[in-house]
Protein backbone atom coordinates (compact mmCIF):
# COMPACT_ATOMS: atom_id res chain seq x y z
CA MET A 1 28.20 -2.47 34.20
CA PRO A 2 25.75 -0.04 35.96
CA THR A 3 22.43 0.47 34.14
CA ASN A 4 23.04 4.09 33.58
CA THR A 5 26.37 3.57 31.96
CA THR A 6 26.89 3.92 28.19
CA LYS A 7 29.68 1.81 26.71
CA ALA A 8 30.97 2.80 23.18
CA THR A 9 33.71 1.47 20.99
CA ILE A 10 35.71 3.62 18.40
CA ALA A 11 36.54 1.40 15.38
CA ILE A 12 39.48 2.26 13.04
CA ILE A 13 40.53 0.26 9.98
CA THR A 14 44.11 1.02 8.76
CA CYS A 15 46.53 -0.35 6.01
CA ARG A 16 50.07 0.86 5.77
CA ARG A 17 49.46 4.24 7.24
CA PRO A 18 51.25 4.17 10.65
CA GLN A 19 52.13 7.85 10.88
CA TRP A 20 48.49 8.86 10.23
CA LEU A 21 47.24 6.12 12.61
CA LYS A 22 49.52 7.51 15.31
CA ARG A 23 48.16 10.93 14.85
CA LEU A 24 44.46 9.67 15.00
CA LEU A 25 45.12 7.59 18.10
CA GLU A 26 46.97 10.32 19.90
CA SER A 27 43.81 12.54 19.41
CA LEU A 28 41.36 9.80 20.40
CA ILE A 29 42.97 9.28 23.69
CA GLN A 30 42.29 12.87 24.49
CA GLN A 31 38.60 12.60 24.04
CA LYS A 32 36.59 13.82 27.01
CA VAL A 33 33.24 11.99 27.81
CA ASP A 34 30.77 12.13 30.59
CA ASP A 35 31.31 10.08 33.63
CA ASN A 36 28.80 7.60 32.77
CA VAL A 37 30.44 6.87 29.33
CA GLU A 38 33.01 4.12 28.94
CA LEU A 39 35.09 4.19 25.80
CA ASP A 40 37.50 1.76 24.17
CA ILE A 41 39.23 1.59 20.86
CA ILE A 42 39.51 -1.26 18.21
CA VAL A 43 42.17 -1.08 15.42
CA VAL A 44 41.84 -3.46 12.61
CA ASP A 45 45.11 -3.78 10.49
CA ASN A 46 44.50 -4.92 6.93
CA ALA A 47 48.19 -5.32 6.21
CA GLY A 48 49.44 -6.84 9.48
CA GLU A 49 52.63 -4.79 9.58
CA GLU A 50 54.92 -4.64 12.55
CA SER A 51 55.15 -0.73 12.38
CA THR A 52 51.38 -0.51 12.68
CA ALA A 53 51.34 -3.02 15.62
CA ASN A 54 53.99 -1.07 17.31
CA VAL A 55 52.22 2.30 16.94
CA VAL A 56 49.08 0.64 18.46
CA LYS A 57 51.04 -0.70 21.41
CA ALA A 58 52.82 2.49 22.19
CA ILE A 59 49.47 4.33 22.26
CA ALA A 60 47.83 1.71 24.38
CA ASP A 61 50.51 1.82 26.97
CA VAL A 62 49.55 5.49 27.74
CA SER A 63 45.90 5.54 26.93
CA PRO A 64 43.11 6.04 29.48
CA TYR A 65 41.00 3.87 27.25
CA THR A 66 41.63 0.25 26.42
CA VAL A 67 42.99 -0.21 22.77
CA HIS A 68 42.64 -3.44 20.95
CA TYR A 69 44.67 -4.53 17.90
CA PHE A 70 43.52 -7.10 15.32
CA HIS A 71 44.98 -8.19 11.99
CA GLU A 72 42.51 -9.02 9.26
CA ALA A 73 44.25 -11.10 6.75
CA ASN A 74 41.52 -10.93 4.00
CA ALA A 75 42.51 -7.91 1.89
CA GLY A 76 39.81 -5.24 1.19
CA ILE A 77 38.10 -2.50 3.08
CA VAL A 78 34.88 -4.42 3.59
CA PHE A 79 36.68 -7.28 5.43
CA ALA A 80 38.36 -4.96 7.63
CA ARG A 81 35.12 -2.98 8.52
CA ASN A 82 33.30 -6.30 9.10
CA ARG A 83 36.12 -7.43 11.43
CA CYS A 84 35.53 -4.34 13.48
CA VAL A 85 31.93 -5.19 13.74
CA LEU A 86 32.61 -8.81 14.58
CA GLU A 87 35.04 -7.86 17.55
CA PHE A 88 32.45 -5.14 18.68
CA LEU A 89 29.57 -7.70 18.86
CA LYS A 90 31.79 -10.02 21.08
CA THR A 91 31.70 -7.34 23.72
CA ASN A 92 28.83 -5.64 25.64
CA SER A 93 29.48 -2.34 24.07
CA GLN A 94 26.33 -0.58 22.97
CA ASN A 95 27.58 1.78 20.30
CA LEU A 96 30.26 1.65 17.55
CA PHE A 97 32.00 4.77 16.10
CA PHE A 98 33.70 4.60 12.83
CA ILE A 99 36.46 7.01 11.90
CA ASP A 100 39.09 6.79 9.19
CA ASP A 101 42.82 6.51 9.82
CA ASP A 102 43.48 9.72 7.67
CA GLU A 103 41.28 11.69 10.08
CA TRP A 104 41.21 13.08 13.54
CA PRO A 105 38.32 14.66 15.47
CA GLU A 106 38.20 18.58 15.47
CA SER A 107 37.42 18.69 19.18
CA ASN A 108 37.98 16.62 22.25
CA ASN A 109 34.29 16.10 22.73
CA TRP A 110 33.57 14.63 19.26
CA ALA A 111 32.56 11.27 20.81
CA GLN A 112 30.18 12.91 23.34
CA LEU A 113 28.62 15.20 20.76
CA LEU A 114 27.47 12.15 18.65
CA LEU A 115 26.34 10.25 21.68
CA ASN A 116 24.44 13.40 23.01
CA LYS A 117 22.57 13.59 19.56
CA GLN A 118 21.82 9.90 19.65
CA SER A 119 20.24 10.23 23.06
CA GLU A 120 18.39 13.40 22.12
CA LYS A 121 16.85 12.07 19.02
CA LYS A 122 16.58 8.49 20.44
CA VAL A 123 17.90 7.04 17.19
CA ASP A 124 20.34 4.47 16.06
CA ILE A 125 22.59 6.30 13.71
CA VAL A 126 24.28 9.63 14.04
CA THR A 127 26.77 11.26 11.70
CA SER A 128 28.61 14.47 10.97
CA HIS A 129 30.72 15.98 8.25
CA VAL A 130 34.46 15.95 7.23
CA ILE A 131 36.70 18.96 6.78
CA SER A 132 39.44 18.48 4.33
CA VAL A 133 42.99 19.61 5.10
CA GLY A 134 45.70 19.35 2.40
CA SER A 135 49.03 17.76 2.88
CA GLU A 136 52.03 20.08 2.05
CA GLY A 137 51.85 21.07 -1.49
CA THR A 138 48.17 20.02 -2.13
CA PRO A 139 46.46 22.53 -4.34
CA THR A 140 43.55 24.53 -3.00
CA TRP A 141 41.23 23.57 -5.77
CA ALA A 142 41.49 19.87 -4.78
CA ILE A 143 40.73 20.43 -1.18
CA GLU A 144 37.75 22.64 -1.81
CA LEU A 145 36.44 20.02 -4.20
CA ILE A 146 36.73 16.74 -2.23
CA TYR A 147 33.80 17.47 0.23
CA GLY A 148 32.60 20.75 -0.85
CA LYS A 149 30.55 23.03 1.60
CA ASN A 150 28.64 21.24 4.29
CA LYS A 151 24.93 21.98 3.75
CA LEU A 152 23.51 20.00 6.64
CA VAL A 153 22.35 21.73 9.82
CA GLU A 154 21.97 20.46 13.39
CA GLY A 155 19.26 17.78 13.70
CA ASP A 156 18.88 17.09 9.94
CA LEU A 157 17.48 13.68 8.93
CA VAL A 158 20.24 11.95 6.79
CA ASN A 159 19.55 9.30 4.23
CA VAL A 160 23.06 8.77 2.91
CA PHE A 161 26.00 8.50 5.37
CA TYR A 162 29.48 7.13 5.26
CA THR A 163 31.79 5.46 7.76
CA ASN A 164 34.26 8.37 7.98
CA ASN A 165 32.27 10.01 10.90
CA LEU A 166 29.61 7.62 12.14
CA LEU A 167 27.99 6.43 15.33
CA ILE A 168 25.86 3.14 15.09
CA SER A 169 23.89 1.37 17.64
CA ARG A 170 24.42 -2.27 18.54
CA GLU A 171 20.80 -3.03 17.32
CA VAL A 172 21.64 -1.95 13.76
CA LEU A 173 24.70 -4.17 13.57
CA GLN A 174 22.88 -7.16 15.10
CA GLN A 175 20.05 -6.82 12.55
CA ILE A 176 22.19 -6.07 9.52
CA ASN A 177 25.02 -8.54 9.82
CA PRO A 178 27.38 -8.64 8.16
CA PRO A 179 26.81 -4.91 7.51
CA PHE A 180 29.36 -4.57 4.63
CA ASP A 181 29.02 -6.47 1.44
CA LYS A 182 32.21 -8.31 0.11
CA ARG A 183 31.16 -7.56 -3.43
CA PHE A 184 32.57 -3.97 -2.75
CA ALA A 185 35.79 -5.19 -1.15
CA MET A 186 38.16 -3.35 -3.37
CA THR A 187 35.82 -0.96 -5.22
CA GLY A 188 34.47 1.38 -2.46
CA ALA A 189 30.71 2.28 -2.04
CA SER A 190 30.30 -0.38 0.62
CA ASP A 191 29.29 2.33 3.11
CA TYR A 192 26.63 3.77 0.62
CA HIS A 193 25.37 0.33 0.22
CA PHE A 194 25.27 -0.16 4.05
CA ALA A 195 23.39 3.23 4.42
CA LEU A 196 20.81 2.04 1.82
CA LYS A 197 20.22 -1.21 3.65
CA CYS A 198 19.80 0.84 6.92
CA GLN A 199 17.15 2.97 5.35
CA LYS A 200 15.31 0.04 3.95
CA ALA A 201 15.33 -1.65 7.42
CA GLY A 202 13.71 1.47 8.97
CA PHE A 203 16.70 2.91 10.87
CA ASN A 204 16.92 6.64 10.91
CA ALA A 205 20.09 8.71 10.80
CA PHE A 206 20.60 12.26 12.01
CA TYR A 207 23.24 14.89 11.64
CA THR A 208 25.10 16.68 14.38
CA ASN A 209 27.84 19.31 14.23
CA ALA A 210 30.82 17.20 15.44
CA PRO A 211 33.20 17.32 12.39
CA VAL A 212 36.42 15.41 11.95
CA MET A 213 39.44 16.69 9.91
CA GLU A 214 40.87 14.77 7.07
CA GLU A 215 44.31 15.06 5.48
CA PHE A 216 43.94 15.10 1.71
CA PRO A 217 47.25 14.01 0.20
CA LYS A 218 48.92 15.61 -2.71
CA SER A 219 49.10 12.41 -4.57
CA ARG A 220 45.23 12.34 -4.93
CA ALA A 221 45.16 15.93 -6.03
CA THR A 222 45.00 15.30 -9.83
CA VAL A 223 42.21 15.69 -12.30
CA LYS A 224 42.74 11.96 -13.24
CA TRP A 225 42.01 10.93 -9.58
CA PHE A 226 38.78 12.87 -9.40
CA LEU A 227 37.63 11.51 -12.76
CA LYS A 228 38.24 8.04 -11.61
CA ARG A 229 36.59 8.58 -8.16
CA GLY A 230 33.53 10.06 -10.06
CA PHE A 231 33.36 7.06 -12.36
CA ARG A 232 33.79 4.63 -9.38
CA SER A 233 31.13 6.38 -7.29
CA GLY A 234 28.61 6.11 -10.13
CA ILE A 235 29.31 2.34 -10.46
CA GLY A 236 28.91 1.84 -6.76
CA PHE A 237 25.69 3.85 -6.67
CA THR A 238 24.07 1.54 -9.39
CA ARG A 239 25.55 -1.68 -8.00
CA SER A 240 24.06 -0.81 -4.52
CA HIS A 241 20.50 -0.27 -5.89
CA LEU A 242 20.66 -3.38 -8.10
CA PHE A 243 21.48 -5.37 -5.09
CA GLU A 244 18.67 -3.76 -2.84
CA ASP A 245 15.80 -2.68 -5.28
CA SER A 246 13.80 -4.42 -7.83
CA LEU A 247 15.26 -4.50 -11.33
CA ILE A 248 12.73 -2.05 -12.78
CA LYS A 249 13.09 0.35 -9.87
CA ALA A 250 16.92 0.28 -10.03
CA ILE A 251 17.00 0.80 -13.81
CA PHE A 252 14.54 3.80 -13.46
CA HIS A 253 16.18 5.39 -10.52
CA CYS A 254 19.81 5.01 -11.73
CA THR A 255 19.01 6.01 -15.31
CA LEU A 256 17.35 9.20 -13.98
CA MET A 257 20.32 9.99 -11.66
CA SER A 258 22.73 9.44 -14.54
CA GLY A 259 20.82 12.05 -16.64
CA ILE A 260 20.73 14.54 -13.79
CA ARG A 261 24.48 14.09 -13.08
CA PHE A 262 25.20 14.56 -16.82
CA ILE A 263 23.08 17.86 -17.04
CA ARG A 264 24.65 19.19 -13.86
CA GLY A 265 28.11 18.11 -14.99
CA ILE A 266 27.74 20.06 -18.27
CA GLY A 267 26.60 23.09 -16.33
CA TYR A 268 29.45 22.99 -13.87
CA CYS A 269 31.96 22.61 -16.71
CA VAL A 270 30.48 25.67 -18.63
CA MET A 271 30.39 27.72 -15.39
CA GLY A 272 33.97 26.72 -14.50
CA ALA A 273 35.27 27.53 -17.99
CA VAL A 274 33.49 30.93 -18.01
CA THR A 275 34.67 31.98 -14.52
CA LEU A 276 38.18 30.24 -14.95
CA ASN A 277 37.34 28.42 -11.69
CA LYS A 278 39.10 25.08 -11.69
CA THR A 279 37.29 23.72 -8.71
CA THR A 280 33.91 24.17 -10.42
CA PHE A 281 35.22 22.96 -13.77
CA VAL A 282 36.72 19.66 -12.30
CA ASP A 283 33.51 19.23 -10.27
CA GLY A 284 31.64 19.24 -13.57
CA LEU A 285 34.01 16.53 -14.90
CA PHE A 286 33.56 14.56 -11.80
CA ARG A 287 29.75 14.57 -12.28
CA LEU A 288 30.17 13.67 -15.98
CA CYS A 289 32.24 10.63 -14.97
CA SER A 290 29.77 9.77 -12.22
CA ALA A 291 27.01 9.84 -14.91
CA VAL A 292 28.96 7.44 -17.20
CA GLY A 293 29.84 5.19 -14.16
CA THR A 294 26.17 5.04 -13.14
CA ILE A 295 25.35 3.47 -16.56
CA ALA A 296 28.46 1.33 -16.35
CA GLY A 297 27.34 -0.26 -13.30
CA PHE A 298 24.48 -2.00 -15.16
CA PHE A 299 27.15 -3.90 -17.10
CA GLY A 300 29.27 -5.25 -14.20
CA ILE A 301 32.16 -2.87 -14.80
CA LYS A 302 34.23 -2.25 -11.67
CA HIS A 303 37.01 0.08 -10.78
CA ASN A 304 39.22 -1.08 -7.79
CA GLU A 305 40.18 2.21 -6.36
CA TYR A 306 41.70 0.67 -3.23
CA ASN A 307 44.44 -1.16 -5.01
CA THR A 308 46.57 2.05 -4.44
CA ILE A 309 47.17 3.34 -0.88
CA HIS A 310 47.69 7.05 -0.43
CA GLY A 311 49.22 8.39 2.72
CA GLN A 312 51.82 7.42 5.33
């Protein structure tokens, strides 16, 4: 490989979503990158279903980029993500993208935009935001709530990032390996925990405007789902800090955050009730549940969100 060539791998984990995976792969093989960039794609299937393997094979046959398929038999989002990293580190690829199977890039230069920001800032991690698009029949209030408005601007330093739109250098994954902790296998928050580990290891992450679209299914658009998500995110926050911080620091930080989330939750609920805005009201309930979950995390309580698969 010439010294001026950049090799990058796009990683996808999937589980029983062949139609959505097909949409994503069809979008990824349309990506346009500079002449000195070599792309390939890794798909890790956490279910090992023939329908998924067939989708990957059909796309691989027409793709300008090499597409690899792997089955990860250990159930859980952490095991699938770590398998992506394992297969990536077997190659000489320098950078790993993560994108979810319910997403697709907004533009055909998504990958190049992330690489450009990495080169410009000379950093190891670059991220961008996600734009939610509802499935047919998904209510507007839920679409508006899931990610809210993007407040980041070009070049912002980012402390918290997730694997739904991410570029990571090989150096990060060699130093923090395995990157995703199996204690989060079915609970979520493994990517928040990974971001915390990256921050403590001295790796900086920057934002660039290279969004991906995400289909938000109608089956998730319920108040109950948002309340469970808030509770789960609070638990994951506390568990992450308990694993990485001293006990005293974790107790102080998480208790403080629980209080802040509770106060904000009350405020949003009141504002939503007064203005009859369901998005704001449910946002308040979400924050209240997150506050409760933040305390529940101290007692080893878990919520296995990923036992239920939404999508197709």
